[in-house]
Amino acid sequence: MIKPEEVVKIGIFNKPHGVKGELMFSFTNDIFDRTDCDYIICMMDGILVPFFIEEYRFRTDTTALMKLERIDTAEEARPFTNVEVYFPIEYIDEVDDDIVSWQFFEGFQVTDVHHGPLGTIVAVDDSTANVLFIINDKRNREILIPAHEEFIVKLDKKAKTMTVEVPEGLI
């Protein structure tokens, strides 16, 4: 069984394209094109399920048409509409140490230089140009802080910890 901490979100399938089972794929990172990994992982009914990639072709810098093995018709592709797409973290480490997307940080413990421990990043809001980390503190309150590289002072990917220095007034 694939665990959430073993994957990172890289995009979403929008809708079927054509009649041969292709899917329109909007991605935040093209890591699937830069590794030897031949599968992606989809969140299907609350379970992370691997699917082998038969082929894909880029349409723009952030979209591609992707054909999954054994998905051969528009009807078979339809259940993938609006399905989140993930990628195994183990293959990301093989490529480089770059962070694939802000969602990579979900589950990290965050400490601010001035305010001390803030809590755990439970989600990332990337619906606007200003990406935000959504942090739950120990009292289960929600804290929003901007996801900016310049605010990250220290990062330990193995221990899943992050130290930040957020400008005064943002916390």
N, C-alpha and C. Protein backbone atom coordinates (compact mmCIF):
# COMPACT_ATOMS: atom_id res chain seq x y z
N MET A 1 0.84 -1.19 0.00
CA MET A 1 0.00 0.00 0.00
C MET A 1 0.88 1.24 0.00
N ILE A 2 0.56 2.18 -0.84
CA ILE A 2 1.32 3.42 -0.95
C ILE A 2 0.85 4.37 0.13
N LYS A 3 1.81 4.95 0.87
CA LYS A 3 1.48 5.87 1.95
C LYS A 3 1.61 7.32 1.47
N PRO A 4 0.80 8.23 2.03
CA PRO A 4 0.85 9.64 1.61
C PRO A 4 2.24 10.27 1.75
N GLU A 5 3.01 9.85 2.74
CA GLU A 5 4.34 10.44 2.92
C GLU A 5 5.35 9.95 1.89
N GLU A 6 4.96 8.97 1.07
CA GLU A 6 5.85 8.43 0.04
C GLU A 6 5.66 9.10 -1.32
N VAL A 7 4.71 10.03 -1.41
CA VAL A 7 4.41 10.68 -2.68
C VAL A 7 4.32 12.19 -2.52
N VAL A 8 4.38 12.88 -3.66
CA VAL A 8 4.19 14.33 -3.68
C VAL A 8 3.24 14.64 -4.83
N LYS A 9 2.31 15.56 -4.60
CA LYS A 9 1.34 15.92 -5.62
C LYS A 9 2.04 16.69 -6.73
N ILE A 10 1.79 16.28 -7.98
CA ILE A 10 2.40 16.99 -9.11
C ILE A 10 1.36 17.56 -10.06
N GLY A 11 0.08 17.28 -9.84
CA GLY A 11 -0.92 17.84 -10.74
C GLY A 11 -2.27 17.19 -10.60
N ILE A 12 -3.06 17.37 -11.66
CA ILE A 12 -4.43 16.86 -11.66
C ILE A 12 -4.82 16.52 -13.10
N PHE A 13 -5.59 15.43 -13.26
CA PHE A 13 -6.17 15.12 -14.56
C PHE A 13 -7.42 15.97 -14.71
N ASN A 14 -7.54 16.66 -15.84
CA ASN A 14 -8.70 17.52 -16.05
C ASN A 14 -9.89 16.78 -16.64
N LYS A 15 -9.70 16.22 -17.83
CA LYS A 15 -10.80 15.52 -18.49
C LYS A 15 -10.23 14.65 -19.60
N PRO A 16 -11.02 13.71 -20.08
CA PRO A 16 -10.57 12.89 -21.21
C PRO A 16 -10.38 13.76 -22.45
N HIS A 17 -9.47 13.32 -23.31
CA HIS A 17 -9.20 14.04 -24.55
C HIS A 17 -9.29 13.02 -25.69
N GLY A 18 -10.20 13.23 -26.60
CA GLY A 18 -10.35 12.32 -27.72
C GLY A 18 -11.06 11.04 -27.33
N VAL A 19 -10.92 10.01 -28.18
CA VAL A 19 -11.66 8.78 -27.98
C VAL A 19 -10.77 7.59 -27.61
N LYS A 20 -9.45 7.80 -27.51
CA LYS A 20 -8.53 6.69 -27.26
C LYS A 20 -8.03 6.61 -25.82
N GLY A 21 -8.69 7.30 -24.91
CA GLY A 21 -8.35 7.18 -23.49
C GLY A 21 -7.30 8.15 -23.00
N GLU A 22 -6.93 9.15 -23.81
CA GLU A 22 -5.96 10.15 -23.34
C GLU A 22 -6.63 11.07 -22.33
N LEU A 23 -5.82 11.59 -21.42
CA LEU A 23 -6.29 12.51 -20.39
C LEU A 23 -5.52 13.82 -20.46
N MET A 24 -6.23 14.93 -20.28
CA MET A 24 -5.56 16.22 -20.17
C MET A 24 -5.00 16.30 -18.76
N PHE A 25 -3.70 16.55 -18.65
CA PHE A 25 -2.99 16.54 -17.38
C PHE A 25 -2.40 17.91 -17.13
N SER A 26 -2.86 18.60 -16.08
CA SER A 26 -2.28 19.88 -15.66
C SER A 26 -1.31 19.58 -14.54
N PHE A 27 -0.03 19.95 -14.73
CA PHE A 27 0.98 19.60 -13.74
C PHE A 27 1.71 20.83 -13.22
N THR A 28 2.21 20.70 -12.01
CA THR A 28 2.99 21.77 -11.39
C THR A 28 4.48 21.49 -11.52
N ASN A 29 4.83 20.26 -11.92
CA ASN A 29 6.23 19.90 -12.12
C ASN A 29 6.31 18.77 -13.13
N ASP A 30 7.32 18.83 -13.99
CA ASP A 30 7.47 17.82 -15.03
C ASP A 30 8.42 16.69 -14.62
N ILE A 31 8.48 16.39 -13.34
CA ILE A 31 9.37 15.35 -12.83
C ILE A 31 9.13 14.01 -13.51
N PHE A 32 7.89 13.74 -13.92
CA PHE A 32 7.58 12.49 -14.60
C PHE A 32 8.33 12.36 -15.92
N ASP A 33 8.77 13.48 -16.48
CA ASP A 33 9.51 13.49 -17.74
C ASP A 33 11.03 13.40 -17.52
N ARG A 34 11.47 13.61 -16.29
CA ARG A 34 12.91 13.69 -16.01
C ARG A 34 13.45 12.49 -15.23
N THR A 35 12.67 11.44 -15.08
CA THR A 35 13.14 10.27 -14.33
C THR A 35 12.88 8.99 -15.14
N ASP A 36 13.38 7.90 -14.62
CA ASP A 36 13.14 6.59 -15.24
C ASP A 36 11.87 5.94 -14.70
N CYS A 37 11.17 6.61 -13.83
CA CYS A 37 9.93 6.06 -13.27
C CYS A 37 8.88 6.03 -14.37
N ASP A 38 8.26 4.88 -14.58
CA ASP A 38 7.30 4.74 -15.67
C ASP A 38 5.84 4.70 -15.19
N TYR A 39 5.61 5.22 -14.00
CA TYR A 39 4.24 5.26 -13.50
C TYR A 39 3.99 6.54 -12.70
N ILE A 40 2.72 6.86 -12.55
CA ILE A 40 2.27 7.95 -11.69
C ILE A 40 1.29 7.32 -10.70
N ILE A 41 0.88 8.09 -9.72
CA ILE A 41 -0.02 7.58 -8.69
C ILE A 41 -1.23 8.51 -8.63
N CYS A 42 -2.41 7.93 -8.62
CA CYS A 42 -3.65 8.71 -8.58
C CYS A 42 -4.40 8.44 -7.29
N MET A 43 -5.06 9.48 -6.80
CA MET A 43 -5.92 9.34 -5.63
C MET A 43 -7.30 8.93 -6.12
N MET A 44 -7.60 7.63 -5.98
CA MET A 44 -8.87 7.08 -6.45
C MET A 44 -9.68 6.61 -5.25
N ASP A 45 -10.79 7.27 -4.98
CA ASP A 45 -11.66 6.90 -3.87
C ASP A 45 -10.91 6.86 -2.55
N GLY A 46 -10.01 7.82 -2.33
CA GLY A 46 -9.27 7.92 -1.08
C GLY A 46 -8.07 6.99 -0.96
N ILE A 47 -7.75 6.27 -2.04
CA ILE A 47 -6.62 5.33 -2.02
C ILE A 47 -5.63 5.74 -3.10
N LEU A 48 -4.34 5.69 -2.77
CA LEU A 48 -3.30 5.99 -3.75
C LEU A 48 -3.05 4.75 -4.61
N VAL A 49 -3.30 4.89 -5.92
CA VAL A 49 -3.23 3.76 -6.84
C VAL A 49 -2.24 4.07 -7.96
N PRO A 50 -1.26 3.17 -8.21
CA PRO A 50 -0.31 3.42 -9.30
C PRO A 50 -0.90 3.06 -10.67
N PHE A 51 -0.53 3.85 -11.67
CA PHE A 51 -0.92 3.59 -13.06
C PHE A 51 0.31 3.77 -13.94
N PHE A 52 0.55 2.81 -14.82
CA PHE A 52 1.68 2.90 -15.73
C PHE A 52 1.36 3.86 -16.87
N ILE A 53 2.35 4.66 -17.23
CA ILE A 53 2.21 5.62 -18.32
C ILE A 53 2.54 4.91 -19.63
N GLU A 54 1.60 4.93 -20.56
CA GLU A 54 1.85 4.35 -21.87
C GLU A 54 2.60 5.35 -22.75
N GLU A 55 2.12 6.59 -22.74
CA GLU A 55 2.78 7.67 -23.47
C GLU A 55 2.22 9.01 -23.03
N TYR A 56 2.92 10.07 -23.37
CA TYR A 56 2.44 11.42 -23.10
C TYR A 56 3.10 12.36 -24.08
N ARG A 57 2.45 13.50 -24.25
CA ARG A 57 3.03 14.56 -25.07
C ARG A 57 2.64 15.90 -24.47
N PHE A 58 3.58 16.81 -24.46
CA PHE A 58 3.34 18.12 -23.87
C PHE A 58 2.50 18.99 -24.80
N ARG A 59 1.58 19.72 -24.21
CA ARG A 59 0.78 20.70 -24.95
C ARG A 59 1.30 22.10 -24.67
N THR A 60 1.58 22.39 -23.38
CA THR A 60 2.14 23.68 -22.97
C THR A 60 3.18 23.39 -21.90
N ASP A 61 3.67 24.43 -21.24
CA ASP A 61 4.63 24.26 -20.16
C ASP A 61 4.00 23.62 -18.92
N THR A 62 2.67 23.64 -18.83
CA THR A 62 2.02 23.11 -17.63
C THR A 62 0.93 22.08 -17.94
N THR A 63 0.78 21.70 -19.19
CA THR A 63 -0.21 20.68 -19.53
C THR A 63 0.37 19.65 -20.49
N ALA A 64 -0.16 18.45 -20.39
CA ALA A 64 0.24 17.37 -21.29
C ALA A 64 -0.97 16.48 -21.53
N LEU A 65 -0.91 15.75 -22.61
CA LEU A 65 -1.89 14.70 -22.85
C LEU A 65 -1.21 13.40 -22.45
N MET A 66 -1.85 12.65 -21.54
CA MET A 66 -1.24 11.44 -21.01
C MET A 66 -2.15 10.25 -21.28
N LYS A 67 -1.55 9.17 -21.72
CA LYS A 67 -2.25 7.92 -21.97
C LYS A 67 -1.74 6.90 -20.96
N LEU A 68 -2.64 6.35 -20.16
CA LEU A 68 -2.29 5.33 -19.18
C LEU A 68 -2.55 3.95 -19.76
N GLU A 69 -1.73 2.97 -19.36
CA GLU A 69 -1.94 1.60 -19.82
C GLU A 69 -3.31 1.10 -19.40
N ARG A 70 -3.95 0.36 -20.28
CA ARG A 70 -5.25 -0.27 -20.06
C ARG A 70 -6.42 0.71 -19.96
N ILE A 71 -6.18 1.96 -20.27
CA ILE A 71 -7.25 2.95 -20.37
C ILE A 71 -7.31 3.31 -21.85
N ASP A 72 -8.26 2.69 -22.57
CA ASP A 72 -8.23 2.76 -24.03
C ASP A 72 -9.41 3.48 -24.68
N THR A 73 -10.36 3.94 -23.88
CA THR A 73 -11.51 4.65 -24.44
C THR A 73 -11.82 5.88 -23.58
N ALA A 74 -12.59 6.78 -24.14
CA ALA A 74 -13.01 7.97 -23.38
C ALA A 74 -13.83 7.56 -22.16
N GLU A 75 -14.62 6.50 -22.30
CA GLU A 75 -15.45 6.03 -21.18
C GLU A 75 -14.58 5.52 -20.03
N GLU A 76 -13.49 4.81 -20.37
CA GLU A 76 -12.58 4.31 -19.33
C GLU A 76 -11.79 5.45 -18.69
N ALA A 77 -11.59 6.52 -19.45
CA ALA A 77 -10.82 7.67 -18.94
C ALA A 77 -11.67 8.62 -18.09
N ARG A 78 -12.96 8.60 -18.30
CA ARG A 78 -13.86 9.55 -17.62
C ARG A 78 -13.74 9.53 -16.09
N PRO A 79 -13.58 8.37 -15.41
CA PRO A 79 -13.45 8.37 -13.94
C PRO A 79 -12.20 9.10 -13.43
N PHE A 80 -11.26 9.42 -14.32
CA PHE A 80 -10.04 10.13 -13.92
C PHE A 80 -10.22 11.65 -13.92
N THR A 81 -11.39 12.15 -14.33
CA THR A 81 -11.65 13.58 -14.35
C THR A 81 -11.52 14.17 -12.95
N ASN A 82 -10.69 15.20 -12.82
CA ASN A 82 -10.42 15.91 -11.56
C ASN A 82 -9.75 15.04 -10.51
N VAL A 83 -9.03 14.01 -10.93
CA VAL A 83 -8.29 13.15 -10.01
C VAL A 83 -6.89 13.73 -9.80
N GLU A 84 -6.47 13.81 -8.52
CA GLU A 84 -5.13 14.32 -8.19
C GLU A 84 -4.08 13.29 -8.59
N VAL A 85 -2.95 13.82 -9.12
CA VAL A 85 -1.86 12.97 -9.59
C VAL A 85 -0.65 13.18 -8.70
N TYR A 86 -0.03 12.10 -8.28
CA TYR A 86 1.12 12.13 -7.38
C TYR A 86 2.31 11.42 -8.03
N PHE A 87 3.48 11.64 -7.44
CA PHE A 87 4.71 11.02 -7.94
C PHE A 87 5.49 10.48 -6.75
N PRO A 88 6.12 9.29 -6.90
CA PRO A 88 6.86 8.72 -5.77
C PRO A 88 8.12 9.52 -5.43
N ILE A 89 8.25 9.88 -4.17
CA ILE A 89 9.38 10.68 -3.70
C ILE A 89 10.71 9.99 -3.96
N GLU A 90 10.75 8.66 -3.88
CA GLU A 90 12.01 7.94 -4.05
C GLU A 90 12.66 8.24 -5.40
N TYR A 91 11.90 8.51 -6.44
CA TYR A 91 12.47 8.83 -7.75
C TYR A 91 12.90 10.29 -7.85
N ILE A 92 12.32 11.14 -7.04
CA ILE A 92 12.70 12.55 -7.04
C ILE A 92 14.12 12.70 -6.52
N ASP A 93 14.46 11.97 -5.46
CA ASP A 93 15.80 12.05 -4.89
C ASP A 93 16.87 11.60 -5.88
N GLU A 94 16.51 10.72 -6.82
CA GLU A 94 17.47 10.27 -7.82
C GLU A 94 17.82 11.37 -8.81
N VAL A 95 16.89 12.27 -9.08
CA VAL A 95 17.11 13.30 -10.09
C VAL A 95 17.97 14.43 -9.53
N ASP A 96 17.53 14.99 -8.43
CA ASP A 96 18.26 16.09 -7.82
C ASP A 96 17.68 16.38 -6.45
N ASP A 97 18.24 17.34 -5.79
CA ASP A 97 17.74 17.71 -4.47
C ASP A 97 16.73 18.85 -4.53
N ASP A 98 16.32 19.24 -5.73
CA ASP A 98 15.34 20.31 -5.85
C ASP A 98 14.00 19.86 -5.32
N ILE A 99 13.23 20.81 -4.84
CA ILE A 99 11.89 20.54 -4.36
C ILE A 99 10.96 20.54 -5.57
N VAL A 100 10.13 19.54 -5.67
CA VAL A 100 9.26 19.38 -6.83
C VAL A 100 8.13 20.40 -6.81
N SER A 101 7.47 20.55 -5.68
CA SER A 101 6.37 21.50 -5.56
C SER A 101 6.21 21.86 -4.09
N TRP A 102 5.42 22.89 -3.83
CA TRP A 102 5.20 23.30 -2.44
C TRP A 102 4.49 22.20 -1.65
N GLN A 103 3.71 21.33 -2.32
CA GLN A 103 3.03 20.24 -1.63
C GLN A 103 4.02 19.27 -0.99
N PHE A 104 5.26 19.28 -1.46
CA PHE A 104 6.31 18.44 -0.88
C PHE A 104 6.40 18.65 0.63
N PHE A 105 6.10 19.86 1.09
CA PHE A 105 6.27 20.21 2.50
C PHE A 105 5.13 19.79 3.41
N GLU A 106 4.07 19.22 2.85
CA GLU A 106 2.98 18.75 3.70
C GLU A 106 3.51 17.71 4.67
N GLY A 107 3.20 17.87 5.95
CA GLY A 107 3.69 16.97 6.98
C GLY A 107 4.93 17.48 7.70
N PHE A 108 5.54 18.57 7.21
CA PHE A 108 6.72 19.13 7.86
C PHE A 108 6.34 19.87 9.14
N GLN A 109 7.21 19.75 10.15
CA GLN A 109 7.06 20.52 11.39
C GLN A 109 7.73 21.88 11.16
N VAL A 110 7.04 22.97 11.49
CA VAL A 110 7.56 24.30 11.22
C VAL A 110 7.84 25.04 12.53
N THR A 111 9.03 25.65 12.58
CA THR A 111 9.43 26.48 13.72
C THR A 111 9.83 27.83 13.18
N ASP A 112 9.35 28.89 13.82
CA ASP A 112 9.74 30.24 13.44
C ASP A 112 10.87 30.71 14.35
N VAL A 113 11.82 31.43 13.80
CA VAL A 113 12.97 31.92 14.54
C VAL A 113 12.53 32.77 15.74
N HIS A 114 11.50 33.57 15.57
CA HIS A 114 11.06 34.49 16.63
C HIS A 114 9.92 33.96 17.50
N HIS A 115 9.05 33.11 16.92
CA HIS A 115 7.86 32.65 17.64
C HIS A 115 7.94 31.21 18.14
N GLY A 116 8.99 30.48 17.77
CA GLY A 116 9.13 29.10 18.21
C GLY A 116 8.31 28.15 17.35
N PRO A 117 7.99 26.96 17.89
CA PRO A 117 7.25 25.96 17.12
C PRO A 117 5.87 26.48 16.70
N LEU A 118 5.56 26.35 15.41
CA LEU A 118 4.26 26.79 14.90
C LEU A 118 3.29 25.63 14.74
N GLY A 119 3.78 24.47 14.30
CA GLY A 119 2.92 23.32 14.09
C GLY A 119 3.32 22.55 12.85
N THR A 120 2.34 21.82 12.29
CA THR A 120 2.57 20.95 11.14
C THR A 120 1.86 21.50 9.91
N ILE A 121 2.56 21.49 8.78
CA ILE A 121 1.93 21.89 7.52
C ILE A 121 0.96 20.78 7.12
N VAL A 122 -0.32 21.12 7.07
CA VAL A 122 -1.34 20.11 6.74
C VAL A 122 -1.81 20.23 5.29
N ALA A 123 -1.57 21.39 4.69
CA ALA A 123 -1.97 21.59 3.30
C ALA A 123 -1.23 22.80 2.73
N VAL A 124 -1.31 22.93 1.43
CA VAL A 124 -0.72 24.07 0.73
C VAL A 124 -1.81 24.67 -0.14
N ASP A 125 -2.05 25.96 0.01
CA ASP A 125 -3.05 26.65 -0.81
C ASP A 125 -2.31 27.32 -1.97
N ASP A 126 -2.42 26.71 -3.15
CA ASP A 126 -1.77 27.28 -4.32
C ASP A 126 -2.80 27.75 -5.34
N SER A 127 -3.99 28.09 -4.84
CA SER A 127 -5.07 28.52 -5.73
C SER A 127 -4.90 29.96 -6.21
N THR A 128 -3.99 30.70 -5.60
CA THR A 128 -3.71 32.07 -6.04
C THR A 128 -2.21 32.21 -6.30
N ALA A 129 -1.80 33.38 -6.76
CA ALA A 129 -0.38 33.61 -7.04
C ALA A 129 0.45 33.57 -5.76
N ASN A 130 -0.16 33.89 -4.62
CA ASN A 130 0.54 33.86 -3.33
C ASN A 130 0.27 32.52 -2.64
N VAL A 131 1.21 31.61 -2.79
CA VAL A 131 1.07 30.28 -2.20
C VAL A 131 1.22 30.37 -0.69
N LEU A 132 0.36 29.64 0.04
CA LEU A 132 0.36 29.68 1.50
C LEU A 132 0.53 28.28 2.08
N PHE A 133 1.33 28.18 3.15
CA PHE A 133 1.36 26.96 3.95
C PHE A 133 0.22 27.05 4.95
N ILE A 134 -0.57 26.00 5.07
CA ILE A 134 -1.63 25.93 6.07
C ILE A 134 -1.09 25.03 7.19
N ILE A 135 -0.93 25.63 8.36
CA ILE A 135 -0.30 24.95 9.49
C ILE A 135 -1.33 24.80 10.60
N ASN A 136 -1.39 23.60 11.19
CA ASN A 136 -2.21 23.39 12.39
C ASN A 136 -1.27 23.39 13.59
N ASP A 137 -1.59 24.24 14.57
CA ASP A 137 -0.75 24.27 15.77
C ASP A 137 -1.25 23.23 16.78
N LYS A 138 -0.59 23.17 17.94
CA LYS A 138 -0.94 22.13 18.92
C LYS A 138 -2.35 22.30 19.50
N ARG A 139 -2.94 23.49 19.37
CA ARG A 139 -4.31 23.73 19.83
C ARG A 139 -5.31 23.56 18.68
N ASN A 140 -4.81 23.02 17.54
CA ASN A 140 -5.61 22.78 16.34
C ASN A 140 -6.15 24.07 15.71
N ARG A 141 -5.41 25.16 15.91
CA ARG A 141 -5.74 26.41 15.22
C ARG A 141 -5.00 26.43 13.90
N GLU A 142 -5.56 27.13 12.93
CA GLU A 142 -4.96 27.23 11.61
C GLU A 142 -4.11 28.49 11.50
N ILE A 143 -2.87 28.32 11.06
CA ILE A 143 -1.96 29.43 10.84
C ILE A 143 -1.61 29.43 9.36
N LEU A 144 -1.68 30.58 8.72
CA LEU A 144 -1.32 30.70 7.31
C LEU A 144 -0.04 31.52 7.21
N ILE A 145 0.95 30.98 6.52
CA ILE A 145 2.17 31.75 6.27
C ILE A 145 2.53 31.63 4.79
N PRO A 146 3.12 32.66 4.23
CA PRO A 146 3.49 32.60 2.81
C PRO A 146 4.56 31.54 2.57
N ALA A 147 4.43 30.84 1.46
CA ALA A 147 5.43 29.85 1.06
C ALA A 147 6.43 30.56 0.14
N HIS A 148 7.48 31.10 0.75
CA HIS A 148 8.53 31.80 -0.01
C HIS A 148 9.88 31.24 0.40
N GLU A 149 10.70 30.95 -0.60
CA GLU A 149 12.04 30.42 -0.31
C GLU A 149 12.83 31.33 0.61
N GLU A 150 12.66 32.62 0.44
CA GLU A 150 13.45 33.57 1.23
C GLU A 150 13.12 33.52 2.73
N PHE A 151 11.95 32.96 3.09
CA PHE A 151 11.58 32.86 4.50
C PHE A 151 12.12 31.59 5.15
N ILE A 152 12.56 30.62 4.35
CA ILE A 152 13.06 29.35 4.88
C ILE A 152 14.52 29.50 5.26
N VAL A 153 14.80 29.35 6.57
CA VAL A 153 16.15 29.51 7.10
C VAL A 153 16.89 28.19 7.10
N LYS A 154 16.19 27.12 7.48
CA LYS A 154 16.81 25.80 7.58
C LYS A 154 15.78 24.75 7.19
N LEU A 155 16.27 23.71 6.49
CA LEU A 155 15.38 22.67 6.02
C LEU A 155 16.04 21.32 6.19
N ASP A 156 15.32 20.39 6.82
CA ASP A 156 15.81 19.03 6.97
C ASP A 156 14.76 18.10 6.36
N LYS A 157 15.00 17.66 5.11
CA LYS A 157 14.02 16.84 4.40
C LYS A 157 13.82 15.49 5.05
N LYS A 158 14.90 14.90 5.57
CA LYS A 158 14.80 13.58 6.19
C LYS A 158 13.95 13.63 7.46
N ALA A 159 14.20 14.63 8.31
CA ALA A 159 13.46 14.77 9.56
C ALA A 159 12.12 15.48 9.37
N LYS A 160 11.90 16.01 8.15
CA LYS A 160 10.68 16.75 7.81
C LYS A 160 10.46 17.93 8.76
N THR A 161 11.53 18.72 8.91
CA THR A 161 11.44 19.94 9.72
C THR A 161 11.87 21.14 8.90
N MET A 162 11.30 22.28 9.24
CA MET A 162 11.60 23.54 8.55
C MET A 162 11.66 24.65 9.58
N THR A 163 12.70 25.44 9.49
CA THR A 163 12.80 26.65 10.31
C THR A 163 12.61 27.84 9.39
N VAL A 164 11.72 28.74 9.79
CA VAL A 164 11.41 29.90 8.96
C VAL A 164 11.64 31.19 9.74
N GLU A 165 11.82 32.27 9.02
CA GLU A 165 11.85 33.59 9.62
C GLU A 165 10.88 34.44 8.81
N VAL A 166 9.65 34.50 9.34
CA VAL A 166 8.57 35.21 8.66
C VAL A 166 8.58 36.66 9.14
N PRO A 167 8.42 37.62 8.20
CA PRO A 167 8.40 39.02 8.60
C PRO A 167 7.38 39.31 9.70
N GLU A 168 7.71 40.27 10.53
CA GLU A 168 6.87 40.68 11.66
C GLU A 168 5.46 41.00 11.17
N GLY A 169 4.46 40.51 11.88
CA GLY A 169 3.07 40.80 11.58
C GLY A 169 2.38 39.77 10.70
N LEU A 170 3.10 38.81 10.15
CA LEU A 170 2.47 37.81 9.30
C LEU A 170 2.00 36.58 10.06
N ILE A 171 2.45 36.43 11.30
CA ILE A 171 1.99 35.29 12.09
C ILE A 171 1.01 35.79 13.14
